[in-house]
Amino acid sequence: MTQLEIPFPELSTPKTLADALAFYHDANSDHPRRSAIRSAFNAMARGIGLPLDQIPADAVRLRTMLAKASAARAGIKPSSWKSLKSLALRALADAGVELASGRDTTAISPAWRALIDRAEQRVGIGLGRFAKFLTRTGVEPDAVSAKAFAAWRGELLDTSLRAKPDTSYRQMVRLWKACERKVPGWPAVEIESPEDPRRFSLPWEAFPESLRNEVNAFLVSRLHPDPLSPDPAPKVRPATNKGREKNLRAFASALVLSGEVVAADVTSLAVLTKPVNVRMALGYLRNERFDKEVRPQLLNHAELMKTVAKHWEKDLPKSEQIGLLIKSLKGAIGQSSGMTQKNRERLAPFNDQNNVKRLLELPQRTLEQAADGPPNHRAAVRVMYALQVAILLAVPLRAKNLTALKLGENVIESGKGKTREVRLFLSREETKTHTDFTAVLPARVVALLDAWQGVWRPLVLNGPSPYLFPNASGELRSRGSLSSRVCRFVERETGLKMHLHLFRHLSAKLYLRFDPGGLETVRQLLGHTTIKTTLKAYADFQTEPAFLRLEEALLGLYETPVKSRKGGR
């Protein structure tokens, strides 16, 4: 029997991409696409940043690596990266690696199609892949059961290359349950979504009603504090209160889960702020939730307990005891800066001017690419992301303000021709610091804004809308959804990991590189109330440029000839 006659099933399953490539050189050396497959494997290795023999050929480990890979790291265009990655994955499957197809081409059965067509469009799209799986495995609506859900979850976990397969499964179950409630004739299945391991909070119903009532009263009091109070508490925004409500429930849950207090005894905020209880709850969070590390989240919880004790209970001795605990936590965390280590790591690539240039050129390049093709919804969405990046680079807004921009109210035009100006204006009710904010958009951003409004914006909505970046119905877009999609867009196009708030940090970093003494300018750019806030977060950014300036000064002195003293030899 010749080498080419060896049946594929007798070949050992590749353990790495190097093994898979050897398969096409040895057992399948006459494969018509062998050269293209080699190029695809090499591109995947560059995108991941590891050699072929260190990249595992199994879905569970490979999907984690692919989630961090990018076209920019591979040194190719996003479109080329997509096609090469697809070819590499098909080649792996042909070599015997069990991988779920990235795109299921199964035609949904008529019975499932009839049900999905009755659901909302987004729900139908979300359930489409599961419906294809059910069709492929021969399960019709009248026969669907919990076993089908278990089989689908198993396929996702074991063979899918989705970055977060368990999250995909939980989302699918939520959509399914929504259809059970809203879509006539939708089959009901007794299935529970697996809990998100990141969540541990008990429901408010697990605690006495008196605690929830007091929590509501406390939160309302922070929205409208008495300015004539001897010890007035700072006014907070509804969004801040929403976060505090979650943190209070999480803290009460941590106290109960510590095993030292039962939920029935957590009757009031005074129970939560007892110093001994604060320590027990923080201890649970540190040991059980944060891998025994002292993280900044512990400090946030402790500071909220101090706020409750000081401004709600008016218990100064208790707040002082919690204050000592906060001091101890700050010492353990060892952070003198207002910026997290993770954000510092994400800013590090911008020490390379090529990465800065890649990000700065992204908006205009995206607009040019869109103009070269047909004006469709997909191109319009890309232009929207590009404009958002351009605005954030020019005017580092907070994510909440970016998503809520309204034409004529926040985006204001004045003048015509050469005197035309476009300003962004935020009233004091819209800013975190309760002060008006205004900024003139540079010409490059205005050009992109004009293209968005004139050509592309009408392609993403079905009617009039006051928002600059509306959803399809003309309503306010979800901040979380927009933020994650903009960040995926930036990473896909440049290989750089960003989140919307990081644009503010990047603006400070780039300006202080230009002017190491420009903290006051940075304060104005970011809309900080006091220089203390700016100094806390960005003082370290002055260090490197300062040393560069020192070196320039020293080089100047070295190059300046020293004049001989009069009478010298």
Protein backbone atom coordinates (compact mmCIF):
# COMPACT_ATOMS: atom_id res chain seq x y z
CA MET A 1 0.00 0.00 0.00
CA THR A 2 1.47 3.36 -0.98
CA GLN A 3 1.61 6.34 1.34
CA LEU A 4 -1.26 8.07 -0.44
CA GLU A 5 -3.49 5.01 0.04
CA ILE A 6 -3.38 5.20 3.86
CA PRO A 7 -6.95 5.95 5.02
CA PHE A 8 -7.25 9.24 6.95
CA PRO A 9 -8.89 7.63 10.05
CA GLU A 10 -5.71 5.67 10.73
CA LEU A 11 -3.67 8.86 11.03
CA SER A 12 -3.11 10.25 14.50
CA THR A 13 -5.04 13.40 15.33
CA PRO A 14 -2.75 16.47 15.15
CA LYS A 15 -1.80 17.89 18.53
CA THR A 16 -0.44 21.21 17.22
CA LEU A 17 -0.63 23.29 14.06
CA ALA A 18 2.84 21.99 13.20
CA ASP A 19 1.47 18.42 13.27
CA ALA A 20 -1.43 19.46 11.05
CA LEU A 21 0.93 21.08 8.56
CA ALA A 22 3.01 17.89 8.50
CA PHE A 23 -0.16 16.00 7.61
CA TYR A 24 -0.39 17.96 4.36
CA HIS A 25 3.30 17.41 3.62
CA ASP A 26 3.36 13.69 4.39
CA ALA A 27 0.09 11.77 4.17
CA ASN A 28 -1.58 14.24 1.84
CA SER A 29 1.35 15.71 -0.06
CA ASP A 30 -0.57 16.09 -3.34
CA HIS A 31 -3.32 18.22 -1.78
CA PRO A 32 -4.18 20.92 -4.36
CA ARG A 33 -4.18 23.69 -1.73
CA ARG A 34 -1.15 22.59 0.26
CA SER A 35 0.74 25.83 -0.39
CA ALA A 36 -2.26 27.98 0.54
CA ILE A 37 -2.80 25.96 3.71
CA ARG A 38 0.82 26.46 4.72
CA SER A 39 0.38 30.22 4.24
CA ALA A 40 -2.84 30.14 6.24
CA PHE A 41 -1.20 28.28 9.14
CA ASN A 42 1.74 30.70 9.15
CA ALA A 43 -0.60 33.70 9.13
CA MET A 44 -2.51 32.22 12.08
CA ALA A 45 0.77 31.73 13.94
CA ARG A 46 1.75 35.37 13.36
CA GLY A 47 -1.69 36.57 14.42
CA ILE A 48 -1.49 34.54 17.64
CA GLY A 49 2.16 35.38 18.23
CA LEU A 50 3.48 31.82 18.73
CA PRO A 51 5.29 29.29 16.53
CA LEU A 52 3.24 26.51 14.95
CA ASP A 53 4.53 23.83 17.32
CA GLN A 54 3.25 25.81 20.34
CA ILE A 55 -0.29 26.34 19.07
CA PRO A 56 -2.65 23.52 20.16
CA ALA A 57 -4.93 21.94 17.58
CA ASP A 58 -8.00 21.55 19.78
CA ALA A 59 -11.00 23.84 20.04
CA VAL A 60 -10.90 24.47 23.80
CA ARG A 61 -7.38 25.92 23.84
CA LEU A 62 -7.29 27.28 20.30
CA ARG A 63 -10.36 29.50 20.75
CA THR A 64 -8.69 31.30 23.68
CA MET A 65 -5.68 32.09 21.52
CA LEU A 66 -7.75 33.14 18.51
CA ALA A 67 -9.76 35.54 20.68
CA LYS A 68 -6.53 37.50 21.23
CA ALA A 69 -5.20 37.17 17.68
CA SER A 70 -5.57 39.91 15.08
CA ALA A 71 -4.91 40.78 11.46
CA ALA A 72 -2.63 43.64 12.47
CA ARG A 73 -0.37 41.32 14.44
CA ALA A 74 -0.30 38.96 11.47
CA GLY A 75 0.66 41.89 9.24
CA ILE A 76 -2.20 41.45 6.78
CA LYS A 77 -5.51 43.11 5.92
CA PRO A 78 -8.60 42.17 7.98
CA SER A 79 -10.26 40.65 4.91
CA SER A 80 -7.19 38.50 4.21
CA TRP A 81 -7.01 37.46 7.86
CA LYS A 82 -10.61 36.34 7.76
CA SER A 83 -10.16 34.19 4.64
CA LEU A 84 -6.81 32.72 5.75
CA LYS A 85 -8.15 31.87 9.20
CA SER A 86 -11.18 30.20 7.61
CA LEU A 87 -8.92 28.14 5.34
CA ALA A 88 -6.68 27.14 8.25
CA LEU A 89 -9.64 25.97 10.32
CA ARG A 90 -11.09 23.95 7.43
CA ALA A 91 -7.68 22.38 6.93
CA LEU A 92 -7.52 21.46 10.63
CA ALA A 93 -10.94 19.81 10.39
CA ASP A 94 -9.86 17.87 7.30
CA ALA A 95 -6.74 16.73 9.18
CA GLY A 96 -8.93 15.11 11.85
CA VAL A 97 -9.34 17.89 14.44
CA GLU A 98 -12.91 18.06 15.75
CA LEU A 99 -14.06 21.63 15.16
CA ALA A 100 -17.55 23.00 14.75
CA SER A 101 -18.05 24.89 11.51
CA GLY A 102 -17.73 28.63 11.91
CA ARG A 103 -20.72 29.05 9.64
CA ASP A 104 -23.49 26.49 9.73
CA THR A 105 -25.01 26.32 6.24
CA THR A 106 -27.83 23.97 7.27
CA ALA A 107 -31.22 25.11 5.98
CA ILE A 108 -33.63 25.54 8.89
CA SER A 109 -36.56 23.13 8.68
CA PRO A 110 -39.98 24.55 7.67
CA ALA A 111 -41.40 23.90 11.15
CA TRP A 112 -38.63 25.82 12.91
CA ARG A 113 -38.69 28.55 10.25
CA ALA A 114 -42.41 29.12 10.81
CA LEU A 115 -41.84 29.62 14.55
CA ILE A 116 -38.78 31.86 14.19
CA ASP A 117 -40.57 34.10 11.69
CA ARG A 118 -43.15 34.89 14.40
CA ALA A 119 -40.43 36.15 16.77
CA GLU A 120 -38.78 39.55 16.75
CA GLN A 121 -35.96 39.87 14.23
CA ARG A 122 -33.14 40.05 16.79
CA VAL A 123 -34.55 37.03 18.64
CA GLY A 124 -34.81 35.03 15.43
CA ILE A 125 -31.21 35.85 14.55
CA GLY A 126 -30.06 34.87 18.04
CA LEU A 127 -31.81 31.50 17.86
CA GLY A 128 -30.92 30.79 14.24
CA ARG A 129 -27.81 28.74 14.90
CA PHE A 130 -29.55 26.61 17.52
CA ALA A 131 -32.43 26.03 15.08
CA LYS A 132 -29.92 24.87 12.47
CA PHE A 133 -28.39 22.49 15.02
CA LEU A 134 -31.83 21.09 15.83
CA THR A 135 -32.57 20.67 12.13
CA ARG A 136 -29.21 19.03 11.53
CA THR A 137 -29.79 16.55 14.36
CA GLY A 138 -33.38 15.81 13.30
CA VAL A 139 -35.14 17.47 16.25
CA GLU A 140 -38.41 19.17 15.29
CA PRO A 141 -40.44 21.53 17.55
CA ASP A 142 -42.75 18.77 18.80
CA ALA A 143 -39.77 16.66 19.94
CA VAL A 144 -37.38 19.23 21.42
CA SER A 145 -36.26 18.46 24.98
CA ALA A 146 -33.59 19.29 27.55
CA LYS A 147 -31.35 16.66 25.89
CA ALA A 148 -31.16 18.79 22.75
CA PHE A 149 -30.03 21.79 24.82
CA ALA A 150 -27.38 19.66 26.54
CA ALA A 151 -26.12 18.39 23.18
CA TRP A 152 -25.91 21.94 21.80
CA ARG A 153 -24.03 23.15 24.85
CA GLY A 154 -21.63 20.23 24.54
CA GLU A 155 -20.90 21.10 20.92
CA LEU A 156 -20.26 24.72 21.87
CA LEU A 157 -17.93 23.84 24.74
CA ASP A 158 -16.02 21.01 23.04
CA THR A 159 -15.72 21.95 19.38
CA SER A 160 -16.78 25.59 18.91
CA LEU A 161 -14.21 28.34 18.44
CA ARG A 162 -16.45 31.01 19.92
CA ALA A 163 -14.48 33.01 22.46
CA LYS A 164 -17.15 32.60 25.18
CA PRO A 165 -19.21 29.49 24.43
CA ASP A 166 -20.93 29.37 27.83
CA THR A 167 -21.99 33.00 27.42
CA SER A 168 -23.39 32.16 23.97
CA TYR A 169 -25.37 29.31 25.49
CA ARG A 170 -26.79 31.46 28.31
CA GLN A 171 -27.85 34.11 25.80
CA MET A 172 -29.57 31.48 23.66
CA VAL A 173 -31.48 30.11 26.67
CA ARG A 174 -32.65 33.62 27.59
CA LEU A 175 -33.93 34.19 24.05
CA TRP A 176 -35.66 30.80 24.09
CA LYS A 177 -37.46 31.63 27.36
CA ALA A 178 -38.51 34.99 25.91
CA CYS A 179 -40.06 33.17 22.95
CA GLU A 180 -41.89 30.79 25.26
CA ARG A 181 -43.60 33.83 26.80
CA LYS A 182 -44.25 35.85 23.66
CA VAL A 183 -44.49 33.59 20.60
CA PRO A 184 -47.69 31.54 20.20
CA GLY A 185 -47.00 27.84 19.78
CA TRP A 186 -43.38 28.04 20.89
CA PRO A 187 -42.41 24.74 22.59
CA ALA A 188 -41.86 24.95 26.34
CA VAL A 189 -38.82 23.11 27.67
CA GLU A 190 -37.84 22.72 31.32
CA ILE A 191 -34.33 24.06 31.10
CA GLU A 192 -32.41 26.48 33.29
CA SER A 193 -29.59 28.67 32.12
CA PRO A 194 -26.30 27.90 33.87
CA GLU A 195 -25.31 30.60 36.30
CA ASP A 196 -22.71 33.11 35.26
CA PRO A 197 -19.69 32.25 37.44
CA ARG A 198 -18.89 35.94 37.79
CA ARG A 199 -22.18 36.57 39.60
CA PHE A 200 -22.74 35.63 43.21
CA SER A 201 -25.18 38.22 44.58
CA LEU A 202 -28.28 36.92 46.30
CA PRO A 203 -31.64 38.40 45.23
CA TRP A 204 -33.08 41.17 47.39
CA GLU A 205 -35.89 38.76 48.28
CA ALA A 206 -33.35 36.73 50.27
CA PHE A 207 -33.01 39.63 52.74
CA PRO A 208 -35.53 41.25 55.10
CA GLU A 209 -37.77 43.83 53.46
CA SER A 210 -36.51 46.43 55.92
CA LEU A 211 -33.03 46.31 54.34
CA ARG A 212 -34.32 46.91 50.82
CA ASN A 213 -36.53 49.77 52.04
CA GLU A 214 -33.59 51.44 53.77
CA VAL A 215 -31.35 50.94 50.74
CA ASN A 216 -33.97 52.66 48.56
CA ALA A 217 -34.25 55.53 51.03
CA PHE A 218 -30.48 55.94 51.14
CA LEU A 219 -30.19 55.98 47.35
CA VAL A 220 -32.98 58.55 46.99
CA SER A 221 -31.33 60.77 49.60
CA ARG A 222 -28.12 60.81 47.53
CA LEU A 223 -30.01 62.05 44.48
CA HIS A 224 -31.34 65.08 46.39
CA PRO A 225 -29.05 65.81 49.39
CA ASP A 226 -29.91 68.68 51.70
CA PRO A 227 -27.46 71.52 50.88
CA LEU A 228 -28.15 73.09 54.30
CA SER A 229 -27.18 69.95 56.21
CA PRO A 230 -24.30 70.38 58.70
CA ASP A 231 -22.52 67.57 56.84
CA PRO A 232 -23.90 67.64 53.27
CA ALA A 233 -23.17 64.57 51.18
CA PRO A 234 -22.18 65.04 47.54
CA LYS A 235 -24.98 64.73 45.02
CA VAL A 236 -24.77 61.64 42.78
CA ARG A 237 -26.23 60.77 39.41
CA PRO A 238 -28.86 58.07 38.75
CA ALA A 239 -26.21 55.92 37.03
CA THR A 240 -24.02 56.15 40.14
CA ASN A 241 -26.96 55.16 42.30
CA LYS A 242 -27.63 52.16 40.09
CA GLY A 243 -24.07 51.00 40.62
CA ARG A 244 -24.35 51.59 44.36
CA GLU A 245 -27.51 49.50 44.54
CA LYS A 246 -25.65 46.59 42.91
CA ASN A 247 -22.67 47.05 45.21
CA LEU A 248 -24.83 47.12 48.33
CA ARG A 249 -26.56 43.89 47.31
CA ALA A 250 -23.21 42.29 46.49
CA PHE A 251 -21.77 43.38 49.83
CA ALA A 252 -24.76 42.05 51.78
CA SER A 253 -24.46 38.78 49.85
CA ALA A 254 -20.73 38.55 50.62
CA LEU A 255 -21.47 39.00 54.32
CA VAL A 256 -24.01 36.16 54.26
CA LEU A 257 -21.82 33.90 52.10
CA SER A 258 -18.96 34.40 54.56
CA GLY A 259 -20.95 32.07 56.83
CA GLU A 260 -20.85 34.31 59.89
CA VAL A 261 -24.21 36.09 59.43
CA VAL A 262 -27.55 34.73 58.16
CA ALA A 263 -29.57 36.74 55.65
CA ALA A 264 -32.48 37.18 58.10
CA ASP A 265 -30.20 39.14 60.44
CA VAL A 266 -29.16 41.68 57.78
CA THR A 267 -32.08 43.96 58.60
CA SER A 268 -30.49 47.36 58.00
CA LEU A 269 -27.54 49.24 56.61
CA ALA A 270 -26.22 49.56 60.15
CA VAL A 271 -25.62 45.80 60.12
CA LEU A 272 -23.56 46.06 56.94
CA THR A 273 -21.42 48.91 58.26
CA LYS A 274 -20.43 47.25 61.54
CA PRO A 275 -16.63 47.22 61.28
CA VAL A 276 -16.47 43.50 62.11
CA ASN A 277 -19.02 42.74 59.37
CA VAL A 278 -17.17 44.95 56.89
CA ARG A 279 -14.04 42.90 57.52
CA MET A 280 -15.87 39.59 57.14
CA ALA A 281 -17.53 40.60 53.85
CA LEU A 282 -14.27 41.95 52.44
CA GLY A 283 -12.51 38.79 53.56
CA TYR A 284 -15.00 36.65 51.65
CA LEU A 285 -14.58 38.77 48.51
CA ARG A 286 -10.81 38.60 48.73
CA ASN A 287 -10.55 34.87 49.40
CA GLU A 288 -13.44 33.51 47.34
CA ARG A 289 -13.91 36.00 44.51
CA PHE A 290 -10.52 37.65 43.98
CA ASP A 291 -8.15 34.65 44.32
CA LYS A 292 -6.93 35.88 47.72
CA GLU A 293 -5.70 39.12 46.18
CA VAL A 294 -6.33 42.59 47.58
CA ARG A 295 -7.89 44.34 44.59
CA PRO A 296 -9.23 47.88 44.11
CA GLN A 297 -12.82 46.54 44.17
CA LEU A 298 -12.36 45.85 47.90
CA LEU A 299 -11.45 49.47 48.40
CA ASN A 300 -14.57 50.59 46.51
CA HIS A 301 -16.79 48.47 48.77
CA ALA A 302 -15.11 49.78 51.91
CA GLU A 303 -15.46 53.39 50.80
CA LEU A 304 -19.17 52.87 50.10
CA MET A 305 -19.61 51.50 53.65
CA LYS A 306 -17.84 54.56 55.02
CA THR A 307 -20.14 56.83 53.00
CA VAL A 308 -23.19 55.06 54.45
CA ALA A 309 -21.86 55.29 58.00
CA LYS A 310 -20.87 58.95 57.71
CA HIS A 311 -23.64 60.53 55.65
CA TRP A 312 -26.60 58.21 56.27
CA GLU A 313 -26.14 56.91 59.79
CA LYS A 314 -24.23 60.02 60.96
CA ASP A 315 -22.01 57.65 62.98
CA LEU A 316 -18.63 59.36 63.00
CA PRO A 317 -16.77 56.78 65.20
CA LYS A 318 -17.92 53.97 62.92
CA SER A 319 -16.87 55.83 59.77
CA GLU A 320 -13.46 56.52 61.34
CA GLN A 321 -12.96 52.80 62.04
CA ILE A 322 -13.84 51.96 58.46
CA GLY A 323 -11.47 54.74 57.42
CA LEU A 324 -8.60 52.94 59.18
CA LEU A 325 -9.50 49.80 57.24
CA ILE A 326 -9.48 51.79 54.00
CA LYS A 327 -6.01 53.11 54.85
CA SER A 328 -4.83 49.54 55.39
CA LEU A 329 -6.30 48.45 52.04
CA LYS A 330 -4.62 51.31 50.21
CA GLY A 331 -1.31 50.26 51.70
CA ALA A 332 -1.85 46.65 50.59
CA ILE A 333 -2.87 47.66 47.07
CA GLY A 334 0.10 49.97 46.84
CA GLN A 335 -1.42 52.21 44.18
CA SER A 336 -0.46 55.82 44.28
CA SER A 337 -1.99 56.38 40.87
CA GLY A 338 -5.61 56.78 39.86
CA MET A 339 -5.10 54.42 36.90
CA THR A 340 -5.31 50.65 37.06
CA GLN A 341 -2.42 48.42 36.05
CA LYS A 342 -4.55 46.92 33.29
CA ASN A 343 -5.07 50.33 31.71
CA ARG A 344 -1.35 51.03 31.95
CA GLU A 345 -0.62 47.79 30.14
CA ARG A 346 -3.11 48.67 27.39
CA LEU A 347 -1.50 52.08 26.95
CA ALA A 348 2.01 50.61 26.66
CA PRO A 349 1.71 49.82 22.89
CA PHE A 350 1.26 53.55 22.28
CA ASN A 351 4.88 54.11 23.19
CA ASP A 352 5.37 52.96 19.59
CA GLN A 353 4.63 55.84 17.23
CA ASN A 354 3.57 53.39 14.51
CA ASN A 355 0.66 52.22 16.69
CA VAL A 356 -0.34 55.82 17.38
CA LYS A 357 -0.27 56.56 13.66
CA ARG A 358 -2.30 53.43 12.89
CA LEU A 359 -5.05 54.54 15.26
CA LEU A 360 -5.03 58.16 14.08
CA GLU A 361 -5.36 57.12 10.43
CA LEU A 362 -8.12 54.58 11.07
CA PRO A 363 -11.16 56.96 10.72
CA GLN A 364 -10.15 58.44 7.38
CA ARG A 365 -9.04 55.09 5.99
CA THR A 366 -12.38 53.54 6.93
CA LEU A 367 -14.31 56.35 5.23
CA GLU A 368 -12.26 55.93 2.04
CA GLN A 369 -12.85 52.17 2.03
CA ALA A 370 -16.59 52.70 2.48
CA ALA A 371 -16.69 55.25 -0.36
CA ASP A 372 -15.03 52.74 -2.71
CA GLY A 373 -17.86 50.23 -2.30
CA PRO A 374 -21.65 50.21 -2.45
CA PRO A 375 -23.43 52.30 0.23
CA ASN A 376 -24.99 49.61 2.41
CA HIS A 377 -25.78 49.06 6.08
CA ARG A 378 -22.52 47.24 6.84
CA ALA A 379 -20.39 50.05 5.41
CA ALA A 380 -22.51 52.64 7.25
CA VAL A 381 -21.92 50.93 10.59
CA ARG A 382 -18.16 50.94 9.96
CA VAL A 383 -18.28 54.66 9.19
CA MET A 384 -20.21 55.21 12.43
CA TYR A 385 -17.51 53.45 14.43
CA ALA A 386 -14.84 55.44 12.58
CA LEU A 387 -16.53 58.75 13.42
CA GLN A 388 -16.80 57.75 17.07
CA VAL A 389 -13.09 56.97 17.15
CA ALA A 390 -12.33 60.31 15.46
CA ILE A 391 -14.41 62.22 18.02
CA LEU A 392 -12.82 60.39 20.95
CA LEU A 393 -9.34 61.18 19.64
CA ALA A 394 -10.18 64.88 19.20
CA VAL A 395 -12.51 65.37 22.18
CA PRO A 396 -12.04 62.62 24.81
CA LEU A 397 -15.66 62.32 25.96
CA ARG A 398 -16.98 59.83 28.45
CA ALA A 399 -18.85 56.88 26.91
CA LYS A 400 -22.19 58.05 28.31
CA ASN A 401 -21.86 61.45 26.64
CA LEU A 402 -20.68 60.01 23.31
CA THR A 403 -23.65 57.68 22.93
CA ALA A 404 -26.18 60.35 23.94
CA LEU A 405 -25.05 63.13 21.56
CA LYS A 406 -28.02 64.91 19.99
CA LEU A 407 -28.01 66.94 16.80
CA GLY A 408 -28.64 70.63 17.41
CA GLU A 409 -28.44 70.18 21.17
CA ASN A 410 -24.97 68.71 21.70
CA VAL A 411 -23.68 68.98 18.11
CA ILE A 412 -24.04 72.66 17.23
CA GLU A 413 -23.11 74.33 13.94
CA SER A 414 -22.47 78.05 13.45
CA GLY A 415 -21.29 80.17 10.54
CA LYS A 416 -20.95 79.25 6.88
CA GLY A 417 -18.11 78.56 4.49
CA LYS A 418 -14.73 79.42 5.97
CA THR A 419 -16.32 80.69 9.19
CA ARG A 420 -18.27 77.49 9.80
CA GLU A 421 -17.66 75.79 13.15
CA VAL A 422 -19.04 72.62 14.67
CA ARG A 423 -18.99 72.43 18.46
CA LEU A 424 -19.76 69.74 20.96
CA PHE A 425 -21.62 71.13 23.94
CA LEU A 426 -22.58 69.32 27.14
CA SER A 427 -24.69 71.08 29.75
CA ARG A 428 -23.90 70.79 33.43
CA GLU A 429 -26.77 68.32 33.79
CA GLU A 430 -24.97 66.00 31.37
CA THR A 431 -21.43 66.12 32.76
CA LYS A 432 -19.97 64.22 35.68
CA THR A 433 -18.49 67.38 37.17
CA HIS A 434 -21.75 69.40 36.94
CA THR A 435 -20.11 72.07 34.75
CA ASP A 436 -20.77 73.08 31.14
CA PHE A 437 -18.34 71.63 28.59
CA THR A 438 -17.68 72.80 25.04
CA ALA A 439 -15.12 71.93 22.38
CA VAL A 440 -14.61 72.85 18.71
CA LEU A 441 -14.26 69.86 16.39
CA PRO A 442 -11.21 69.96 14.08
CA ALA A 443 -11.74 70.08 10.31
CA ARG A 444 -10.81 66.39 9.79
CA VAL A 445 -13.57 65.31 12.19
CA VAL A 446 -16.09 67.71 10.67
CA ALA A 447 -15.46 66.21 7.22
CA LEU A 448 -16.18 62.75 8.59
CA LEU A 449 -19.23 64.07 10.44
CA ASP A 450 -20.62 65.60 7.23
CA ALA A 451 -20.16 62.32 5.36
CA TRP A 452 -21.88 60.41 8.17
CA GLN A 453 -24.90 62.72 8.23
CA GLY A 454 -25.21 63.13 4.48
CA VAL A 455 -24.60 59.59 3.20
CA TRP A 456 -24.28 56.92 5.87
CA ARG A 457 -26.48 57.78 8.84
CA PRO A 458 -29.76 57.34 6.86
CA LEU A 459 -28.71 53.74 6.16
CA VAL A 460 -28.73 52.67 9.82
CA LEU A 461 -32.16 53.89 10.92
CA ASN A 462 -35.73 53.67 9.70
CA GLY A 463 -36.94 57.19 10.47
CA PRO A 464 -36.07 60.54 12.02
CA SER A 465 -34.03 60.66 15.22
CA PRO A 466 -32.46 63.42 17.34
CA TYR A 467 -29.42 61.27 18.14
CA LEU A 468 -26.16 61.48 16.25
CA PHE A 469 -25.68 57.71 16.64
CA PRO A 470 -29.20 56.22 16.82
CA ASN A 471 -30.18 52.58 16.66
CA ALA A 472 -32.37 51.25 13.85
CA SER A 473 -35.52 52.53 15.58
CA GLY A 474 -34.06 56.00 16.08
CA GLU A 475 -33.66 55.52 19.83
CA LEU A 476 -30.62 55.84 22.04
CA ARG A 477 -28.11 53.07 21.40
CA SER A 478 -27.06 50.82 24.27
CA ARG A 479 -23.87 52.23 25.75
CA GLY A 480 -22.47 48.79 26.56
CA SER A 481 -23.22 47.40 23.14
CA LEU A 482 -21.77 50.39 21.31
CA SER A 483 -18.66 50.40 23.49
CA SER A 484 -17.88 46.73 22.91
CA ARG A 485 -18.46 46.98 19.16
CA VAL A 486 -16.28 50.07 18.74
CA CYS A 487 -13.51 48.30 20.63
CA ARG A 488 -13.84 45.18 18.49
CA PHE A 489 -13.71 47.42 15.41
CA VAL A 490 -10.48 49.08 16.60
CA GLU A 491 -8.86 45.77 17.49
CA ARG A 492 -9.90 44.13 14.23
CA GLU A 493 -8.53 47.02 12.16
CA THR A 494 -5.38 47.89 14.12
CA GLY A 495 -4.66 45.03 16.51
CA LEU A 496 -4.85 47.48 19.44
CA LYS A 497 -7.00 46.67 22.48
CA MET A 498 -9.05 49.68 23.53
CA HIS A 499 -12.14 50.55 25.53
CA LEU A 500 -13.93 53.87 25.27
CA HIS A 501 -12.58 55.30 28.53
CA LEU A 502 -9.03 54.41 27.49
CA PHE A 503 -9.26 57.13 24.82
CA ARG A 504 -9.26 59.66 27.68
CA HIS A 505 -6.11 58.15 29.15
CA LEU A 506 -4.51 58.04 25.71
CA SER A 507 -5.24 61.74 25.13
CA ALA A 508 -3.47 62.58 28.39
CA LYS A 509 -0.51 60.35 27.54
CA LEU A 510 -0.04 61.81 24.04
CA TYR A 511 -0.40 65.42 25.15
CA LEU A 512 2.03 65.04 28.06
CA ARG A 513 4.53 63.46 25.69
CA PHE A 514 4.23 66.65 23.63
CA ASP A 515 4.25 68.97 26.68
CA PRO A 516 5.47 67.32 29.92
CA GLY A 517 4.35 70.33 31.94
CA GLY A 518 0.86 70.43 30.44
CA LEU A 519 -1.21 68.94 33.27
CA GLU A 520 -3.45 71.99 33.40
CA THR A 521 -4.22 71.61 29.70
CA VAL A 522 -5.00 67.94 30.26
CA ARG A 523 -7.33 68.92 33.10
CA GLN A 524 -9.26 71.18 30.74
CA LEU A 525 -9.33 68.59 27.95
CA LEU A 526 -10.77 65.92 30.23
CA GLY A 527 -13.11 68.26 32.10
CA HIS A 528 -11.71 67.55 35.57
CA THR A 529 -12.88 69.87 38.33
CA THR A 530 -9.50 70.12 40.07
CA ILE A 531 -5.88 69.59 39.06
CA LYS A 532 -5.63 67.08 41.92
CA THR A 533 -7.68 64.53 39.94
CA THR A 534 -5.50 65.01 36.87
CA LEU A 535 -2.29 64.85 38.87
CA LYS A 536 -3.31 61.63 40.61
CA ALA A 537 -4.01 59.81 37.36
CA TYR A 538 -1.43 61.20 34.97
CA ALA A 539 1.57 62.56 36.88
CA ASP A 540 3.58 59.48 35.91
CA PHE A 541 3.11 60.33 32.24
CA GLN A 542 5.36 63.36 32.77
CA THR A 543 8.37 61.31 33.80
CA GLU A 544 9.53 59.80 30.51
CA PRO A 545 9.14 63.00 28.44
CA ALA A 546 10.94 64.92 31.19
CA PHE A 547 13.96 62.62 30.95
CA LEU A 548 13.92 62.96 27.16
CA ARG A 549 13.97 66.75 27.55
CA LEU A 550 16.85 66.40 30.01
CA GLU A 551 18.80 64.33 27.51
CA GLU A 552 18.18 66.96 24.82
CA ALA A 553 19.47 69.64 27.17
CA LEU A 554 22.57 67.60 28.04
CA LEU A 555 23.30 66.86 24.39
CA GLY A 556 23.09 70.58 23.70
CA LEU A 557 25.64 71.27 26.42
CA TYR A 558 27.98 68.58 25.13
CA GLU A 559 27.83 70.03 21.65
CA THR A 560 28.48 73.61 22.83
CA PRO A 561 32.24 74.34 22.81
CA VAL A 562 33.66 75.49 26.15
CA LYS A 563 35.46 78.83 25.90
CA SER A 564 38.96 78.96 27.34
CA ARG A 565 39.39 81.06 30.41
CA LYS A 566 41.40 84.23 29.94
CA GLY A 567 45.06 83.58 30.65
CA GLY A 568 44.60 79.82 30.46
CA ARG A 569 47.15 77.58 28.81
